[in-house]
PDB file of N, CA and C in Angstrom:
ATOM      1  N   MET A   1       0.834  -1.179   0.000  1.00  0.00           N
ATOM      2  CA  MET A   1       0.000   0.000   0.000  1.00  0.00           C
ATOM      3  C   MET A   1       0.880   1.244   0.000  1.00  0.00           C
ATOM      4  N   ALA A   2       0.506   2.209  -0.789  1.00  0.00           N
ATOM      5  CA  ALA A   2       1.268   3.455  -0.889  1.00  0.00           C
ATOM      6  C   ALA A   2       1.077   4.289   0.369  1.00  0.00           C
ATOM      7  N   GLY A   3       2.042   5.156   0.638  1.00  0.00           N
ATOM      8  CA  GLY A   3       1.959   6.040   1.799  1.00  0.00           C
ATOM      9  C   GLY A   3       0.885   7.101   1.605  1.00  0.00           C
ATOM     10  N   PRO A   4       0.495   7.753   2.679  1.00  0.00           N
ATOM     11  CA  PRO A   4      -0.565   8.753   2.594  1.00  0.00           C
ATOM     12  C   PRO A   4      -0.139   9.992   1.817  1.00  0.00           C
ATOM     13  N   VAL A   5      -1.120  10.641   1.250  1.00  0.00           N
ATOM     14  CA  VAL A   5      -0.928  11.913   0.568  1.00  0.00           C
ATOM     15  C   VAL A   5      -1.734  12.954   1.338  1.00  0.00           C
ATOM     16  N   ALA A   6      -1.048  14.009   1.783  1.00  0.00           N
ATOM     17  CA  ALA A   6      -1.718  15.080   2.524  1.00  0.00           C
ATOM     18  C   ALA A   6      -2.049  16.199   1.552  1.00  0.00           C
ATOM     19  N   TYR A   7      -3.217  16.793   1.726  1.00  0.00           N
ATOM     20  CA  TYR A   7      -3.566  17.928   0.876  1.00  0.00           C
ATOM     21  C   TYR A   7      -4.062  19.079   1.726  1.00  0.00           C
ATOM     22  N   SER A   8      -3.901  20.268   1.179  1.00  0.00           N
ATOM     23  CA  SER A   8      -4.354  21.473   1.845  1.00  0.00           C
ATOM     24  C   SER A   8      -4.937  22.407   0.788  1.00  0.00           C
ATOM     25  N   ILE A   9      -5.843  23.258   1.222  1.00  0.00           N
ATOM     26  CA  ILE A   9      -6.444  24.260   0.344  1.00  0.00           C
ATOM     27  C   ILE A   9      -5.843  25.602   0.739  1.00  0.00           C
ATOM     28  N   VAL A  10      -5.276  26.287  -0.248  1.00  0.00           N
ATOM     29  CA  VAL A  10      -4.606  27.560   0.001  1.00  0.00           C
ATOM     30  C   VAL A  10      -5.447  28.684  -0.577  1.00  0.00           C
ATOM     31  N   ASP A  11      -5.697  29.699   0.237  1.00  0.00           N
ATOM     32  CA  ASP A  11      -6.407  30.904  -0.184  1.00  0.00           C
ATOM     33  C   ASP A  11      -5.342  31.902  -0.622  1.00  0.00           C
ATOM     34  N   CYS A  12      -5.169  32.077  -1.930  1.00  0.00           N
ATOM     35  CA  CYS A  12      -4.115  32.922  -2.468  1.00  0.00           C
ATOM     36  C   CYS A  12      -4.479  34.409  -2.369  1.00  0.00           C
ATOM     37  N   PRO A  13      -3.479  35.278  -2.322  1.00  0.00           N
ATOM     38  CA  PRO A  13      -3.727  36.713  -2.179  1.00  0.00           C
ATOM     39  C   PRO A  13      -4.547  37.332  -3.315  1.00  0.00           C
ATOM     40  N   ASP A  14      -4.531  36.721  -4.487  1.00  0.00           N
ATOM     41  CA  ASP A  14      -5.273  37.276  -5.625  1.00  0.00           C
ATOM     42  C   ASP A  14      -6.750  36.865  -5.625  1.00  0.00           C
ATOM     43  N   GLY A  15      -7.188  36.163  -4.568  1.00  0.00           N
ATOM     44  CA  GLY A  15      -8.584  35.751  -4.459  1.00  0.00           C
ATOM     45  C   GLY A  15      -8.877  34.367  -5.004  1.00  0.00           C
ATOM     46  N   ARG A  16      -7.908  33.773  -5.684  1.00  0.00           N
ATOM     47  CA  ARG A  16      -8.090  32.417  -6.178  1.00  0.00           C
ATOM     48  C   ARG A  16      -7.627  31.414  -5.129  1.00  0.00           C
ATOM     49  N   PHE A  17      -7.826  30.149  -5.430  1.00  0.00           N
ATOM     50  CA  PHE A  17      -7.455  29.077  -4.519  1.00  0.00           C
ATOM     51  C   PHE A  17      -6.484  28.132  -5.212  1.00  0.00           C
ATOM     52  N   ALA A  18      -5.752  27.382  -4.403  1.00  0.00           N
ATOM     53  CA  ALA A  18      -4.887  26.319  -4.901  1.00  0.00           C
ATOM     54  C   ALA A  18      -5.092  25.099  -4.018  1.00  0.00           C
ATOM     55  N   VAL A  19      -5.004  23.931  -4.626  1.00  0.00           N
ATOM     56  CA  VAL A  19      -4.994  22.674  -3.878  1.00  0.00           C
ATOM     57  C   VAL A  19      -3.568  22.148  -3.971  1.00  0.00           C
ATOM     58  N   VAL A  20      -2.981  21.879  -2.812  1.00  0.00           N
ATOM     59  CA  VAL A  20      -1.601  21.422  -2.748  1.00  0.00           C
ATOM     60  C   VAL A  20      -1.594  20.034  -2.133  1.00  0.00           C
ATOM     61  N   ALA A  21      -0.884  19.124  -2.761  1.00  0.00           N
ATOM     62  CA  ALA A  21      -0.774  17.756  -2.249  1.00  0.00           C
ATOM     63  C   ALA A  21       0.704  17.426  -2.053  1.00  0.00           C
ATOM     64  N   VAL A  22       0.998  16.784  -0.926  1.00  0.00           N
ATOM     65  CA  VAL A  22       2.371  16.373  -0.628  1.00  0.00           C
ATOM     66  C   VAL A  22       2.353  14.873  -0.374  1.00  0.00           C
ATOM     67  N   SER A  23       3.164  14.164  -1.159  1.00  0.00           N
ATOM     68  CA  SER A  23       3.219  12.706  -1.014  1.00  0.00           C
ATOM     69  C   SER A  23       4.042  12.331   0.210  1.00  0.00           C
ATOM     70  N   ALA A  24       3.951  11.083   0.606  1.00  0.00           N
ATOM     71  CA  ALA A  24       4.728  10.582   1.739  1.00  0.00           C
ATOM     72  C   ALA A  24       6.223  10.712   1.467  1.00  0.00           C
ATOM     73  N   ALA A  25       6.610  10.678   0.194  1.00  0.00           N
ATOM     74  CA  ALA A  25       8.012  10.825  -0.179  1.00  0.00           C
ATOM     75  C   ALA A  25       8.465  12.284  -0.179  1.00  0.00           C
ATOM     76  N   GLY A  26       7.501  13.221  -0.055  1.00  0.00           N
ATOM     77  CA  GLY A  26       7.852  14.635   0.027  1.00  0.00           C
ATOM     78  C   GLY A  26       7.682  15.435  -1.248  1.00  0.00           C
ATOM     79  N   SER A  27       7.248  14.804  -2.331  1.00  0.00           N
ATOM     80  CA  SER A  27       7.052  15.579  -3.558  1.00  0.00           C
ATOM     81  C   SER A  27       5.773  16.413  -3.438  1.00  0.00           C
ATOM     82  N   VAL A  28       5.849  17.651  -3.932  1.00  0.00           N
ATOM     83  CA  VAL A  28       4.753  18.607  -3.824  1.00  0.00           C
ATOM     84  C   VAL A  28       4.118  18.805  -5.192  1.00  0.00           C
ATOM     85  N   HIS A  29       2.800  18.728  -5.224  1.00  0.00           N
ATOM     86  CA  HIS A  29       2.045  18.941  -6.460  1.00  0.00           C
ATOM     87  C   HIS A  29       0.963  19.971  -6.173  1.00  0.00           C
ATOM     88  N   ARG A  30       0.696  20.828  -7.156  1.00  0.00           N
ATOM     89  CA  ARG A  30      -0.233  21.926  -6.947  1.00  0.00           C
ATOM     90  C   ARG A  30      -1.151  22.090  -8.135  1.00  0.00           C
ATOM     91  N   ARG A  31      -2.389  22.434  -7.854  1.00  0.00           N
ATOM     92  CA  ARG A  31      -3.361  22.823  -8.887  1.00  0.00           C
ATOM     93  C   ARG A  31      -3.861  24.183  -8.452  1.00  0.00           C
ATOM     94  N   GLY A  32      -3.472  25.221  -9.172  1.00  0.00           N
ATOM     95  CA  GLY A  32      -3.812  26.584  -8.794  1.00  0.00           C
ATOM     96  C   GLY A  32      -4.788  27.227  -9.757  1.00  0.00           C
ATOM     97  N   GLY A  33      -5.106  28.472  -9.478  1.00  0.00           N
ATOM     98  CA  GLY A  33      -5.985  29.241 -10.343  1.00  0.00           C
ATOM     99  C   GLY A  33      -7.448  28.881 -10.229  1.00  0.00           C
ATOM    100  N   LEU A  34      -7.827  28.236  -9.151  1.00  0.00           N
ATOM    101  CA  LEU A  34      -9.221  27.840  -8.964  1.00  0.00           C
ATOM    102  C   LEU A  34     -10.010  29.051  -8.458  1.00  0.00           C
ATOM    103  N   LEU A  35     -11.099  29.370  -9.133  1.00  0.00           N
ATOM    104  CA  LEU A  35     -11.832  30.594  -8.827  1.00  0.00           C
ATOM    105  C   LEU A  35     -12.873  30.444  -7.736  1.00  0.00           C
ATOM    106  N   THR A  36     -13.421  29.252  -7.568  1.00  0.00           N
ATOM    107  CA  THR A  36     -14.497  29.059  -6.601  1.00  0.00           C
ATOM    108  C   THR A  36     -14.215  27.835  -5.726  1.00  0.00           C
ATOM    109  N   LEU A  37     -14.899  27.788  -4.594  1.00  0.00           N
ATOM    110  CA  LEU A  37     -14.769  26.613  -3.733  1.00  0.00           C
ATOM    111  C   LEU A  37     -15.364  25.370  -4.393  1.00  0.00           C
ATOM    112  N   ALA A  38     -16.319  25.564  -5.299  1.00  0.00           N
ATOM    113  CA  ALA A  38     -16.862  24.423  -6.055  1.00  0.00           C
ATOM    114  C   ALA A  38     -15.766  23.813  -6.942  1.00  0.00           C
ATOM    115  N   GLU A  39     -14.937  24.660  -7.547  1.00  0.00           N
ATOM    116  CA  GLU A  39     -13.816  24.152  -8.343  1.00  0.00           C
ATOM    117  C   GLU A  39     -12.815  23.422  -7.453  1.00  0.00           C
ATOM    118  N   VAL A  40     -12.583  23.961  -6.260  1.00  0.00           N
ATOM    119  CA  VAL A  40     -11.687  23.315  -5.299  1.00  0.00           C
ATOM    120  C   VAL A  40     -12.227  21.934  -4.946  1.00  0.00           C
ATOM    121  N   ASP A  41     -13.515  21.857  -4.655  1.00  0.00           N
ATOM    122  CA  ASP A  41     -14.130  20.584  -4.301  1.00  0.00           C
ATOM    123  C   ASP A  41     -13.989  19.565  -5.428  1.00  0.00           C
ATOM    124  N   GLY A  42     -14.211  19.989  -6.660  1.00  0.00           N
ATOM    125  CA  GLY A  42     -14.048  19.096  -7.805  1.00  0.00           C
ATOM    126  C   GLY A  42     -12.623  18.596  -7.929  1.00  0.00           C
ATOM    127  N   CYS A  43     -11.665  19.483  -7.702  1.00  0.00           N
ATOM    128  CA  CYS A  43     -10.257  19.105  -7.762  1.00  0.00           C
ATOM    129  C   CYS A  43      -9.921  18.082  -6.679  1.00  0.00           C
ATOM    130  N   VAL A  44     -10.415  18.311  -5.465  1.00  0.00           N
ATOM    131  CA  VAL A  44     -10.143  17.386  -4.357  1.00  0.00           C
ATOM    132  C   VAL A  44     -10.797  16.034  -4.633  1.00  0.00           C
ATOM    133  N   GLN A  45     -11.998  16.026  -5.176  1.00  0.00           N
ATOM    134  CA  GLN A  45     -12.664  14.758  -5.471  1.00  0.00           C
ATOM    135  C   GLN A  45     -11.893  13.965  -6.533  1.00  0.00           C
ATOM    136  N   THR A  46     -11.387  14.657  -7.540  1.00  0.00           N
ATOM    137  CA  THR A  46     -10.566  13.988  -8.564  1.00  0.00           C
ATOM    138  C   THR A  46      -9.300  13.425  -7.939  1.00  0.00           C
ATOM    139  N   LEU A  47      -8.656  14.210  -7.090  1.00  0.00           N
ATOM    140  CA  LEU A  47      -7.452  13.751  -6.397  1.00  0.00           C
ATOM    141  C   LEU A  47      -7.759  12.528  -5.539  1.00  0.00           C
ATOM    142  N   ARG A  48      -8.901  12.546  -4.856  1.00  0.00           N
ATOM    143  CA  ARG A  48      -9.296  11.415  -4.003  1.00  0.00           C
ATOM    144  C   ARG A  48      -9.450  10.134  -4.839  1.00  0.00           C
ATOM    145  N   VAL A  49     -10.101  10.238  -5.993  1.00  0.00           N
ATOM    146  CA  VAL A  49     -10.292   9.074  -6.875  1.00  0.00           C
ATOM    147  C   VAL A  49      -8.945   8.539  -7.355  1.00  0.00           C
ATOM    148  N   LEU A  50      -8.057   9.450  -7.757  1.00  0.00           N
ATOM    149  CA  LEU A  50      -6.731   9.029  -8.233  1.00  0.00           C
ATOM    150  C   LEU A  50      -5.927   8.351  -7.134  1.00  0.00           C
ATOM    151  N   MET A  51      -5.980   8.898  -5.941  1.00  0.00           N
ATOM    152  CA  MET A  51      -5.225   8.309  -4.839  1.00  0.00           C
ATOM    153  C   MET A  51      -5.807   6.963  -4.426  1.00  0.00           C
ATOM    154  N   GLU A  52      -7.123   6.820  -4.458  1.00  0.00           N
ATOM    155  CA  GLU A  52      -7.736   5.517  -4.168  1.00  0.00           C
ATOM    156  C   GLU A  52      -7.276   4.472  -5.177  1.00  0.00           C
ATOM    157  N   ALA A  53      -7.186   4.871  -6.454  1.00  0.00           N
ATOM    158  CA  ALA A  53      -6.733   3.936  -7.495  1.00  0.00           C
ATOM    159  C   ALA A  53      -5.291   3.489  -7.248  1.00  0.00           C
ATOM    160  N   CYS A  54      -4.497   4.352  -6.617  1.00  0.00           N
ATOM    161  CA  CYS A  54      -3.098   4.024  -6.309  1.00  0.00           C
ATOM    162  C   CYS A  54      -2.935   3.349  -4.962  1.00  0.00           C
ATOM    163  N   GLY A  55      -4.022   3.272  -4.202  1.00  0.00           N
ATOM    164  CA  GLY A  55      -3.941   2.672  -2.875  1.00  0.00           C
ATOM    165  C   GLY A  55      -3.354   3.604  -1.822  1.00  0.00           C
ATOM    166  N   ALA A  56      -3.342   4.908  -2.110  1.00  0.00           N
ATOM    167  CA  ALA A  56      -2.781   5.882  -1.168  1.00  0.00           C
ATOM    168  C   ALA A  56      -3.913   6.646  -0.487  1.00  0.00           C
ATOM    169  N   PRO A  57      -3.979   6.611   0.823  1.00  0.00           N
ATOM    170  CA  PRO A  57      -5.017   7.380   1.508  1.00  0.00           C
ATOM    171  C   PRO A  57      -4.769   8.879   1.364  1.00  0.00           C
ATOM    172  N   LEU A  58      -5.832   9.622   1.157  1.00  0.00           N
ATOM    173  CA  LEU A  58      -5.765  11.076   1.038  1.00  0.00           C
ATOM    174  C   LEU A  58      -6.252  11.669   2.353  1.00  0.00           C
ATOM    175  N   VAL A  59      -5.424  12.516   2.960  1.00  0.00           N
ATOM    176  CA  VAL A  59      -5.778  13.121   4.242  1.00  0.00           C
ATOM    177  C   VAL A  59      -5.689  14.632   4.146  1.00  0.00           C
ATOM    178  N   PHE A  60      -6.655  15.303   4.761  1.00  0.00           N
ATOM    179  CA  PHE A  60      -6.666  16.762   4.783  1.00  0.00           C
ATOM    180  C   PHE A  60      -5.694  17.253   5.837  1.00  0.00           C
ATOM    181  N   TRP A  61      -4.875  18.215   5.467  1.00  0.00           N
ATOM    182  CA  TRP A  61      -3.921  18.800   6.388  1.00  0.00           C
ATOM    183  C   TRP A  61      -4.349  20.241   6.619  1.00  0.00           C
ATOM    184  N   GLU A  62      -4.847  20.512   7.823  1.00  0.00           N
ATOM    185  CA  GLU A  62      -5.301  21.868   8.133  1.00  0.00           C
ATOM    186  C   GLU A  62      -4.088  22.736   8.407  1.00  0.00           C
ATOM    187  N   GLY A  63      -4.074  23.907   7.799  1.00  0.00           N
ATOM    188  CA  GLY A  63      -2.921  24.792   7.923  1.00  0.00           C
ATOM    189  C   GLY A  63      -1.970  24.554   6.770  1.00  0.00           C
ATOM    190  N   GLY A  64      -0.856  25.198   6.808  1.00  0.00           N
ATOM    191  CA  GLY A  64       0.108  25.082   5.707  1.00  0.00           C
ATOM    192  C   GLY A  64       0.863  23.779   5.736  1.00  0.00           C
ATOM    193  N   LEU A  65       1.173  23.291   4.570  1.00  0.00           N
ATOM    194  CA  LEU A  65       1.994  22.090   4.450  1.00  0.00           C
ATOM    195  C   LEU A  65       3.459  22.507   4.369  1.00  0.00           C
ATOM    196  N   PRO A  66       4.358  21.648   4.814  1.00  0.00           N
ATOM    197  CA  PRO A  66       5.779  21.965   4.711  1.00  0.00           C
ATOM    198  C   PRO A  66       6.190  22.180   3.259  1.00  0.00           C
ATOM    199  N   SER A  67       7.119  23.055   3.026  1.00  0.00           N
ATOM    200  CA  SER A  67       7.682  23.326   1.692  1.00  0.00           C
ATOM    201  C   SER A  67       6.674  23.920   0.719  1.00  0.00           C
ATOM    202  N   THR A  68       5.677  24.637   1.219  1.00  0.00           N
ATOM    203  CA  THR A  68       4.676  25.236   0.339  1.00  0.00           C
ATOM    204  C   THR A  68       4.546  26.740   0.574  1.00  0.00           C
ATOM    205  N   ASP A  69       5.616  27.378   1.049  1.00  0.00           N
ATOM    206  CA  ASP A  69       5.559  28.793   1.402  1.00  0.00           C
ATOM    207  C   ASP A  69       5.175  29.691   0.218  1.00  0.00           C
ATOM    208  N   HIS A  70       5.636  29.360  -0.969  1.00  0.00           N
ATOM    209  CA  HIS A  70       5.415  30.222  -2.133  1.00  0.00           C
ATOM    210  C   HIS A  70       4.490  29.557  -3.157  1.00  0.00           C
ATOM    211  N   ILE A  71       3.531  28.807  -2.687  1.00  0.00           N
ATOM    212  CA  ILE A  71       2.681  28.000  -3.570  1.00  0.00           C
ATOM    213  C   ILE A  71       1.808  28.841  -4.473  1.00  0.00           C
ATOM    214  N   CYS A  72       1.480  30.057  -4.080  1.00  0.00           N
ATOM    215  CA  CYS A  72       0.617  30.908  -4.907  1.00  0.00           C
ATOM    216  C   CYS A  72       1.420  31.683  -5.957  1.00  0.00           C
ATOM    217  N   ASP A  73       2.751  31.684  -5.847  1.00  0.00           N
ATOM    218  CA  ASP A  73       3.581  32.376  -6.819  1.00  0.00           C
ATOM    219  C   ASP A  73       3.604  31.601  -8.132  1.00  0.00           C
ATOM    220  N   ASP A  74       3.471  32.323  -9.210  1.00  0.00           N
ATOM    221  CA  ASP A  74       3.541  31.664 -10.529  1.00  0.00           C
ATOM    222  C   ASP A  74       4.857  31.889 -11.208  1.00  0.00           C
TER     223      ASP A  74
END
């Protein structure tokens, strides 16, 4: 079974949102430019399906994730 993947929702200064996922191995993946919380929810649901297919549990991480200080920067 794959290690857990933690995700967090980031409220960016420009009013958009980003979903950030960090794997158990420490790799960081981001989906930014989301305009609404409905888009965020859709992104998280897609991530959940993908992680289930890989056997990796998806867990919500409240607050900032490590190594994501500049996640809203493009």
